[in-house]
């Protein structure tokens, strides 16, 4: 990486998520997004209850930059939770649409949400393989 490296436009688009959000729907609680210094990586702090179980963890979101390789095209993440799970996601914001794919872009598990005109809510739904999923709304607090 050079001294003049800049975050990609796709990562910069995630700025709309920065702040604290109240989550309602199939999971309830709060999430908070903040930039790491340099703004190459966005951190999500998760404190939710889903299906009656606590879900707490940290997600690191950004482009992969392996040693000696070019920057990844996708904005990816790894989520770490308090019971030892890790989950990988791909993020994209295009216009007012937030897409989060579980695993890989285009995979069968995904969230599709829409930002309100004032960026104070994101309303959407998680879809799981086999027809499962749940509605989810984030409201800025």
Protein backbone atom coordinates (compact mmCIF):
# COMPACT_ATOMS: atom_id res chain seq x y z
CA UNK A 1 0.00 0.00 0.00
CA UNK A 2 1.34 3.43 -0.88
CA UNK A 3 1.33 6.54 1.28
CA UNK A 4 -1.22 8.11 -1.07
CA UNK A 5 -3.73 5.26 -0.86
CA UNK A 6 -7.34 6.34 -0.39
CA UNK A 7 -10.44 4.38 0.62
CA UNK A 8 -12.46 3.22 -2.38
CA UNK A 9 -15.67 5.01 -3.35
CA UNK A 10 -17.62 1.87 -2.38
CA UNK A 11 -16.20 2.05 1.15
CA UNK A 12 -16.77 5.81 1.36
CA UNK A 13 -20.46 5.21 0.48
CA UNK A 14 -20.82 3.43 3.82
CA UNK A 15 -20.54 6.81 5.57
CA UNK A 16 -24.36 6.91 5.57
CA UNK A 17 -24.29 4.17 8.21
CA UNK A 18 -22.07 6.03 10.70
CA UNK A 19 -23.81 6.61 14.01
CA UNK A 20 -26.08 4.73 16.39
CA UNK A 21 -29.24 2.95 15.29
CA UNK A 22 -32.17 1.33 17.03
CA UNK A 23 -33.03 -1.97 15.33
CA UNK A 24 -36.55 -3.43 15.28
CA UNK A 25 -38.17 -6.38 13.55
CA UNK A 26 -36.76 -9.91 13.68
CA UNK A 27 -33.87 -8.64 15.83
CA UNK A 28 -34.20 -5.90 18.47
CA UNK A 29 -31.57 -3.65 20.03
CA UNK A 30 -28.88 -1.27 18.87
CA UNK A 31 -25.99 -1.16 16.44
CA UNK A 32 -23.31 1.52 16.15
CA UNK A 33 -21.07 2.20 13.16
CA UNK A 34 -17.80 4.12 13.38
CA UNK A 35 -14.77 4.64 11.15
CA UNK A 36 -11.34 3.37 12.07
CA UNK A 37 -8.70 6.08 11.62
CA UNK A 38 -7.95 6.42 7.90
CA UNK A 39 -11.55 5.54 6.96
CA UNK A 40 -10.52 2.31 5.19
CA UNK A 41 -12.59 0.20 7.59
CA UNK A 42 -15.98 0.70 9.18
CA UNK A 43 -16.66 -0.99 12.53
CA UNK A 44 -20.13 -2.14 13.53
CA UNK A 45 -20.79 -2.77 17.23
CA UNK A 46 -23.80 -5.07 17.64
CA UNK A 47 -26.02 -5.44 20.74
CA UNK A 48 -29.23 -7.24 19.73
CA UNK A 49 -31.68 -9.92 20.82
CA UNK A 50 -32.79 -12.35 18.12
CA UNK A 51 -35.06 -15.35 18.67
CA UNK A 52 -34.80 -14.67 22.41
CA UNK A 53 -31.00 -14.94 22.42
CA UNK A 54 -28.46 -12.12 22.89
CA UNK A 55 -26.40 -11.27 19.81
CA UNK A 56 -23.36 -9.17 20.59
CA UNK A 57 -20.33 -8.70 18.43
CA UNK A 58 -18.07 -6.61 16.25
CA UNK A 59 -17.96 -6.42 12.46
CA UNK A 60 -15.05 -5.02 10.43
CA UNK A 61 -16.14 -3.80 6.97
CA UNK A 62 -13.87 -2.72 4.08
CA UNK A 63 -11.93 -3.83 1.02
CA UNK A 64 -9.47 -6.70 1.38
CA UNK A 65 -5.83 -5.69 0.79
CA UNK A 66 -3.70 -8.85 1.01
CA UNK A 67 0.10 -8.57 0.88
CA UNK A 68 1.26 -7.89 -2.68
CA UNK A 69 -2.24 -8.07 -4.19
CA UNK A 70 -4.60 -5.42 -5.54
CA UNK A 71 -7.51 -4.10 -3.49
CA UNK A 72 -10.59 -6.34 -3.65
CA UNK A 73 -13.48 -5.17 -5.82
CA UNK A 74 -16.08 -6.08 -3.18
CA UNK A 75 -16.55 -4.41 0.20
CA UNK A 76 -16.44 -7.37 2.54
CA UNK A 77 -16.70 -7.92 6.26
CA UNK A 78 -16.08 -10.40 8.99
CA UNK A 79 -18.40 -10.44 11.99
CA UNK A 80 -17.19 -11.83 15.33
CA UNK A 81 -19.72 -12.61 18.07
CA UNK A 82 -19.55 -13.26 21.78
CA UNK A 83 -20.12 -17.02 21.44
CA UNK A 84 -17.28 -17.63 18.97
CA UNK A 85 -19.04 -17.43 15.59
CA UNK A 86 -17.61 -15.63 12.57
CA UNK A 87 -19.72 -14.64 9.58
CA UNK A 88 -18.63 -13.08 6.29
CA UNK A 89 -20.69 -10.54 4.34
CA UNK A 90 -20.49 -8.35 1.22
CA UNK A 91 -21.80 -4.76 1.48
CA UNK A 92 -23.02 -2.41 -1.22
CA UNK A 93 -24.84 0.91 -1.19
CA UNK A 94 -26.18 1.96 -4.56
CA UNK A 95 -28.43 4.99 -4.55
CA UNK A 96 -30.70 4.58 -1.53
CA UNK A 97 -30.42 0.77 -1.49
CA UNK A 98 -28.29 -1.09 1.06
CA UNK A 99 -27.46 -4.70 0.12
CA UNK A 100 -25.72 -7.06 2.51
CA UNK A 101 -25.09 -10.58 1.20
CA UNK A 102 -24.26 -13.41 3.59
CA UNK A 103 -21.08 -15.07 2.34
CA UNK A 104 -20.70 -13.91 -1.25
CA UNK A 105 -22.27 -11.31 -3.55
CA UNK A 106 -25.40 -12.74 -5.11
CA UNK A 107 -25.72 -15.49 -2.51
CA UNK A 108 -29.10 -16.80 -1.30
CA UNK A 109 -28.90 -15.08 2.11
CA UNK A 110 -29.14 -11.29 1.94
CA UNK A 111 -30.55 -8.09 3.37
CA UNK A 112 -32.07 -5.49 1.09
CA UNK A 113 -32.97 -2.17 2.68
CA UNK A 114 -33.86 1.35 1.61
CA UNK A 115 -32.63 4.57 3.21
CA UNK A 116 -35.29 7.20 3.87
CA UNK A 117 -34.83 10.58 2.13
CA UNK A 118 -33.43 12.07 5.37
CA UNK A 119 -31.17 9.04 6.10
CA UNK A 120 -32.89 8.57 9.49
CA UNK A 121 -34.24 5.08 8.75
CA UNK A 122 -33.29 2.02 6.75
CA UNK A 123 -36.21 -0.32 6.14
CA UNK A 124 -35.82 -3.75 4.60
CA UNK A 125 -35.82 -7.47 4.98
CA UNK A 126 -33.41 -10.34 5.52
CA UNK A 127 -34.01 -13.23 3.13
CA UNK A 128 -32.69 -16.71 3.88
CA UNK A 129 -32.45 -19.78 1.65
CA UNK A 130 -35.64 -21.81 1.63
CA UNK A 131 -37.93 -18.81 2.09
CA UNK A 132 -37.07 -17.76 5.64
CA UNK A 133 -36.15 -14.31 6.84
CA UNK A 134 -37.59 -11.31 8.65
CA UNK A 135 -38.34 -7.61 8.29
CA UNK A 136 -35.86 -5.22 9.89
CA UNK A 137 -35.84 -1.47 10.41
CA UNK A 138 -32.95 0.65 11.66
CA UNK A 139 -33.80 4.09 13.06
CA UNK A 140 -31.06 6.61 13.75
CA UNK A 141 -30.77 7.56 17.45
